Amino acid sequence: MSHMNIVKFHVKPEFREDFLKTFEEANLNDGQISAKLVQIDDNKFCSMGLWDSKDSMDKAMPDMIGFLDTIRHMLEEISEELGVTDPASGPLIMEH
């Protein structure tokens, strides 16, 4: 069953272009079907990854954390509880 992960980011204004360039240059992980980046406000974005399975996404977690580590300095803290990302994931239930 396909799986998705969604991550919300608040980008520091001075790093907006660097953040976008880093996402543009990123490669898909094994088992990742697609990646999207949506701008939801001036410096707020959501990334969405579509995976062939939850297992593929779980196996790519170290790479995703490694990618986050390369952009962490570009991000604002969302909250003390969340840190610099607001992640969610789950099985893809419907697609049109």
N, C-alpha and C. Protein backbone atom coordinates (compact mmCIF):
# COMPACT_ATOMS: atom_id res chain seq x y z
N MET A 1 0.83 -1.17 0.00
CA MET A 1 0.00 0.00 0.00
C MET A 1 0.88 1.25 0.00
N SER A 2 0.54 2.22 -0.83
CA SER A 2 1.29 3.47 -0.89
C SER A 2 1.19 4.21 0.43
N HIS A 3 2.22 4.99 0.72
CA HIS A 3 2.33 5.72 1.98
C HIS A 3 2.77 7.15 1.67
N MET A 4 2.39 8.09 2.52
CA MET A 4 2.80 9.49 2.31
C MET A 4 3.39 10.05 3.59
N ASN A 5 4.34 10.94 3.41
CA ASN A 5 4.80 11.75 4.53
C ASN A 5 4.66 13.22 4.17
N ILE A 6 4.26 14.00 5.16
CA ILE A 6 4.05 15.43 4.98
C ILE A 6 4.82 16.13 6.10
N VAL A 7 5.59 17.15 5.74
CA VAL A 7 6.38 17.87 6.73
C VAL A 7 6.21 19.37 6.51
N LYS A 8 5.84 20.07 7.57
CA LYS A 8 5.68 21.52 7.52
C LYS A 8 6.96 22.19 8.02
N PHE A 9 7.39 23.23 7.30
CA PHE A 9 8.59 23.98 7.63
C PHE A 9 8.27 25.47 7.71
N HIS A 10 8.88 26.17 8.66
CA HIS A 10 8.87 27.64 8.69
C HIS A 10 10.31 28.06 8.39
N VAL A 11 10.50 28.71 7.27
CA VAL A 11 11.85 29.05 6.80
C VAL A 11 12.20 30.48 7.23
N LYS A 12 13.42 30.65 7.71
CA LYS A 12 13.90 31.99 8.03
C LYS A 12 13.94 32.79 6.73
N PRO A 13 13.41 34.02 6.73
CA PRO A 13 13.31 34.78 5.47
C PRO A 13 14.62 34.89 4.70
N GLU A 14 15.73 35.04 5.39
CA GLU A 14 17.02 35.20 4.70
C GLU A 14 17.51 33.92 4.04
N PHE A 15 16.87 32.78 4.32
CA PHE A 15 17.29 31.50 3.73
C PHE A 15 16.28 30.95 2.73
N ARG A 16 15.27 31.72 2.40
CA ARG A 16 14.20 31.22 1.52
C ARG A 16 14.75 30.65 0.21
N GLU A 17 15.57 31.41 -0.49
CA GLU A 17 16.10 30.96 -1.79
C GLU A 17 17.01 29.75 -1.63
N ASP A 18 17.84 29.72 -0.60
CA ASP A 18 18.70 28.56 -0.35
C ASP A 18 17.86 27.32 -0.05
N PHE A 19 16.80 27.49 0.73
CA PHE A 19 15.90 26.40 1.06
C PHE A 19 15.28 25.82 -0.21
N LEU A 20 14.76 26.70 -1.07
CA LEU A 20 14.14 26.24 -2.32
C LEU A 20 15.15 25.54 -3.23
N LYS A 21 16.35 26.08 -3.32
CA LYS A 21 17.39 25.47 -4.15
C LYS A 21 17.76 24.08 -3.62
N THR A 22 17.87 23.95 -2.32
CA THR A 22 18.22 22.66 -1.72
C THR A 22 17.15 21.61 -2.05
N PHE A 23 15.89 21.97 -1.96
CA PHE A 23 14.82 21.04 -2.31
C PHE A 23 14.85 20.71 -3.80
N GLU A 24 15.11 21.71 -4.62
CA GLU A 24 15.15 21.48 -6.07
C GLU A 24 16.24 20.49 -6.44
N GLU A 25 17.36 20.52 -5.74
CA GLU A 25 18.50 19.66 -6.06
C GLU A 25 18.44 18.30 -5.38
N ALA A 26 17.49 18.09 -4.49
CA ALA A 26 17.40 16.82 -3.75
C ALA A 26 16.97 15.68 -4.66
N ASN A 27 17.47 14.49 -4.36
CA ASN A 27 17.12 13.29 -5.10
C ASN A 27 16.05 12.50 -4.36
N LEU A 28 15.28 11.72 -5.10
CA LEU A 28 14.32 10.82 -4.47
C LEU A 28 15.07 9.67 -3.81
N ASN A 29 14.50 9.15 -2.74
CA ASN A 29 15.06 7.98 -2.06
C ASN A 29 14.52 6.71 -2.71
N ASP A 30 15.16 5.58 -2.43
CA ASP A 30 14.66 4.30 -2.91
C ASP A 30 13.24 4.09 -2.41
N GLY A 31 12.35 3.72 -3.30
CA GLY A 31 10.96 3.50 -2.94
C GLY A 31 10.10 4.74 -2.94
N GLN A 32 10.73 5.91 -3.15
CA GLN A 32 9.95 7.15 -3.18
C GLN A 32 9.49 7.40 -4.61
N ILE A 33 8.19 7.57 -4.77
CA ILE A 33 7.58 7.75 -6.09
C ILE A 33 7.66 9.20 -6.52
N SER A 34 7.39 10.11 -5.60
CA SER A 34 7.43 11.53 -5.94
C SER A 34 7.64 12.37 -4.69
N ALA A 35 8.04 13.62 -4.92
CA ALA A 35 8.19 14.60 -3.84
C ALA A 35 7.63 15.92 -4.34
N LYS A 36 6.89 16.58 -3.49
CA LYS A 36 6.29 17.87 -3.83
C LYS A 36 6.63 18.86 -2.71
N LEU A 37 6.71 20.13 -3.08
CA LEU A 37 6.90 21.19 -2.10
C LEU A 37 5.83 22.23 -2.36
N VAL A 38 5.03 22.54 -1.34
CA VAL A 38 3.92 23.47 -1.46
C VAL A 38 4.19 24.68 -0.56
N GLN A 39 4.02 25.87 -1.12
CA GLN A 39 4.15 27.08 -0.32
C GLN A 39 2.79 27.39 0.28
N ILE A 40 2.70 27.46 1.61
CA ILE A 40 1.42 27.69 2.28
C ILE A 40 1.30 29.09 2.87
N ASP A 41 2.40 29.83 2.90
CA ASP A 41 2.44 31.22 3.35
C ASP A 41 3.78 31.78 2.88
N ASP A 42 4.06 33.03 3.21
CA ASP A 42 5.29 33.66 2.69
C ASP A 42 6.52 32.79 2.89
N ASN A 43 6.78 32.35 4.09
CA ASN A 43 7.96 31.53 4.37
C ASN A 43 7.60 30.22 5.05
N LYS A 44 6.43 29.70 4.72
CA LYS A 44 5.97 28.42 5.26
C LYS A 44 5.71 27.46 4.10
N PHE A 45 6.22 26.25 4.26
CA PHE A 45 6.14 25.25 3.20
C PHE A 45 5.76 23.90 3.78
N CYS A 46 5.16 23.05 2.96
CA CYS A 46 4.92 21.65 3.28
C CYS A 46 5.56 20.81 2.18
N SER A 47 6.35 19.84 2.59
CA SER A 47 6.83 18.86 1.62
C SER A 47 5.97 17.62 1.75
N MET A 48 5.73 16.97 0.61
CA MET A 48 4.92 15.77 0.59
C MET A 48 5.65 14.71 -0.23
N GLY A 49 5.85 13.57 0.38
CA GLY A 49 6.50 12.47 -0.32
C GLY A 49 5.54 11.31 -0.48
N LEU A 50 5.51 10.75 -1.66
CA LEU A 50 4.71 9.56 -1.94
C LEU A 50 5.66 8.38 -2.05
N TRP A 51 5.35 7.32 -1.33
CA TRP A 51 6.22 6.14 -1.24
C TRP A 51 5.47 4.91 -1.71
N ASP A 52 6.22 3.92 -2.19
CA ASP A 52 5.57 2.68 -2.62
C ASP A 52 5.08 1.86 -1.43
N SER A 53 5.65 2.12 -0.23
CA SER A 53 5.21 1.40 0.97
C SER A 53 5.73 2.11 2.22
N LYS A 54 5.14 1.80 3.35
CA LYS A 54 5.61 2.34 4.62
C LYS A 54 7.02 1.84 4.90
N ASP A 55 7.29 0.60 4.55
CA ASP A 55 8.61 0.02 4.76
C ASP A 55 9.69 0.83 4.03
N SER A 56 9.41 1.21 2.78
CA SER A 56 10.37 2.03 2.02
C SER A 56 10.62 3.37 2.71
N MET A 57 9.53 3.98 3.19
CA MET A 57 9.67 5.26 3.88
C MET A 57 10.48 5.09 5.16
N ASP A 58 10.18 4.05 5.92
CA ASP A 58 10.91 3.81 7.17
C ASP A 58 12.39 3.57 6.90
N LYS A 59 12.71 2.84 5.85
CA LYS A 59 14.12 2.57 5.52
C LYS A 59 14.85 3.85 5.11
N ALA A 60 14.12 4.82 4.55
CA ALA A 60 14.73 6.07 4.10
C ALA A 60 14.83 7.11 5.22
N MET A 61 14.29 6.81 6.39
CA MET A 61 14.28 7.78 7.48
C MET A 61 15.67 8.34 7.81
N PRO A 62 16.72 7.52 7.89
CA PRO A 62 18.05 8.11 8.15
C PRO A 62 18.46 9.12 7.07
N ASP A 63 18.14 8.84 5.82
CA ASP A 63 18.45 9.79 4.75
C ASP A 63 17.62 11.06 4.87
N MET A 64 16.35 10.93 5.26
CA MET A 64 15.51 12.11 5.42
C MET A 64 15.99 12.97 6.58
N ILE A 65 16.42 12.34 7.67
CA ILE A 65 16.98 13.09 8.80
C ILE A 65 18.29 13.75 8.38
N GLY A 66 19.09 13.05 7.59
CA GLY A 66 20.33 13.64 7.08
C GLY A 66 20.05 14.87 6.22
N PHE A 67 19.02 14.79 5.38
CA PHE A 67 18.63 15.95 4.57
C PHE A 67 18.19 17.09 5.47
N LEU A 68 17.37 16.78 6.48
CA LEU A 68 16.93 17.81 7.42
C LEU A 68 18.12 18.48 8.09
N ASP A 69 19.12 17.70 8.42
CA ASP A 69 20.31 18.28 9.07
C ASP A 69 21.01 19.30 8.18
N THR A 70 20.88 19.16 6.85
CA THR A 70 21.53 20.12 5.94
C THR A 70 20.75 21.43 5.84
N ILE A 71 19.47 21.43 6.23
CA ILE A 71 18.65 22.65 6.14
C ILE A 71 18.21 23.17 7.50
N ARG A 72 18.54 22.46 8.55
CA ARG A 72 18.08 22.82 9.90
C ARG A 72 18.39 24.28 10.25
N HIS A 73 19.56 24.76 9.87
CA HIS A 73 19.95 26.14 10.19
C HIS A 73 19.09 27.17 9.45
N MET A 74 18.37 26.74 8.41
CA MET A 74 17.52 27.63 7.63
C MET A 74 16.11 27.75 8.21
N LEU A 75 15.79 26.95 9.22
CA LEU A 75 14.42 26.83 9.70
C LEU A 75 14.21 27.51 11.04
N GLU A 76 13.01 28.04 11.21
CA GLU A 76 12.59 28.60 12.48
C GLU A 76 11.95 27.51 13.32
N GLU A 77 12.07 27.61 14.61
CA GLU A 77 11.40 26.67 15.50
C GLU A 77 9.89 26.90 15.41
N ILE A 78 9.14 25.85 15.18
CA ILE A 78 7.69 25.93 15.11
C ILE A 78 7.12 26.01 16.53
N SER A 79 7.63 25.16 17.40
CA SER A 79 7.27 25.18 18.82
C SER A 79 8.33 24.39 19.57
N GLU A 80 8.32 24.51 20.91
CA GLU A 80 9.26 23.74 21.71
C GLU A 80 9.00 22.24 21.56
N GLU A 81 7.73 21.86 21.46
CA GLU A 81 7.38 20.45 21.33
C GLU A 81 7.80 19.88 19.98
N LEU A 82 7.58 20.64 18.90
CA LEU A 82 7.84 20.14 17.55
C LEU A 82 9.27 20.36 17.10
N GLY A 83 9.89 21.42 17.53
CA GLY A 83 11.20 21.78 16.98
C GLY A 83 11.01 22.53 15.67
N VAL A 84 11.79 22.18 14.65
CA VAL A 84 11.76 22.92 13.38
C VAL A 84 10.90 22.28 12.31
N THR A 85 10.25 21.15 12.60
CA THR A 85 9.36 20.52 11.62
C THR A 85 8.08 20.06 12.31
N ASP A 86 7.03 19.97 11.51
CA ASP A 86 5.76 19.40 11.96
C ASP A 86 5.44 18.25 11.01
N PRO A 87 5.89 17.02 11.35
CA PRO A 87 5.73 15.89 10.44
C PRO A 87 4.47 15.07 10.69
N ALA A 88 4.01 14.43 9.62
CA ALA A 88 2.90 13.47 9.70
C ALA A 88 3.10 12.47 8.58
N SER A 89 2.59 11.27 8.77
CA SER A 89 2.66 10.26 7.70
C SER A 89 1.54 9.26 7.89
N GLY A 90 1.21 8.57 6.81
CA GLY A 90 0.19 7.55 6.88
C GLY A 90 -0.07 6.93 5.52
N PRO A 91 -0.92 5.91 5.50
CA PRO A 91 -1.23 5.24 4.24
C PRO A 91 -2.07 6.16 3.34
N LEU A 92 -1.82 6.07 2.05
CA LEU A 92 -2.60 6.83 1.08
C LEU A 92 -3.95 6.14 0.94
N ILE A 93 -5.02 6.83 1.31
CA ILE A 93 -6.36 6.26 1.34
C ILE A 93 -7.09 6.50 0.02
N MET A 94 -6.88 7.69 -0.58
CA MET A 94 -7.63 8.02 -1.78
C MET A 94 -6.77 8.92 -2.67
N GLU A 95 -6.90 8.71 -3.96
CA GLU A 95 -6.23 9.55 -4.93
C GLU A 95 -7.13 9.64 -6.16
N HIS A 96 -7.30 10.84 -6.68
CA HIS A 96 -8.13 11.05 -7.88
C HIS A 96 -7.24 11.35 -9.06
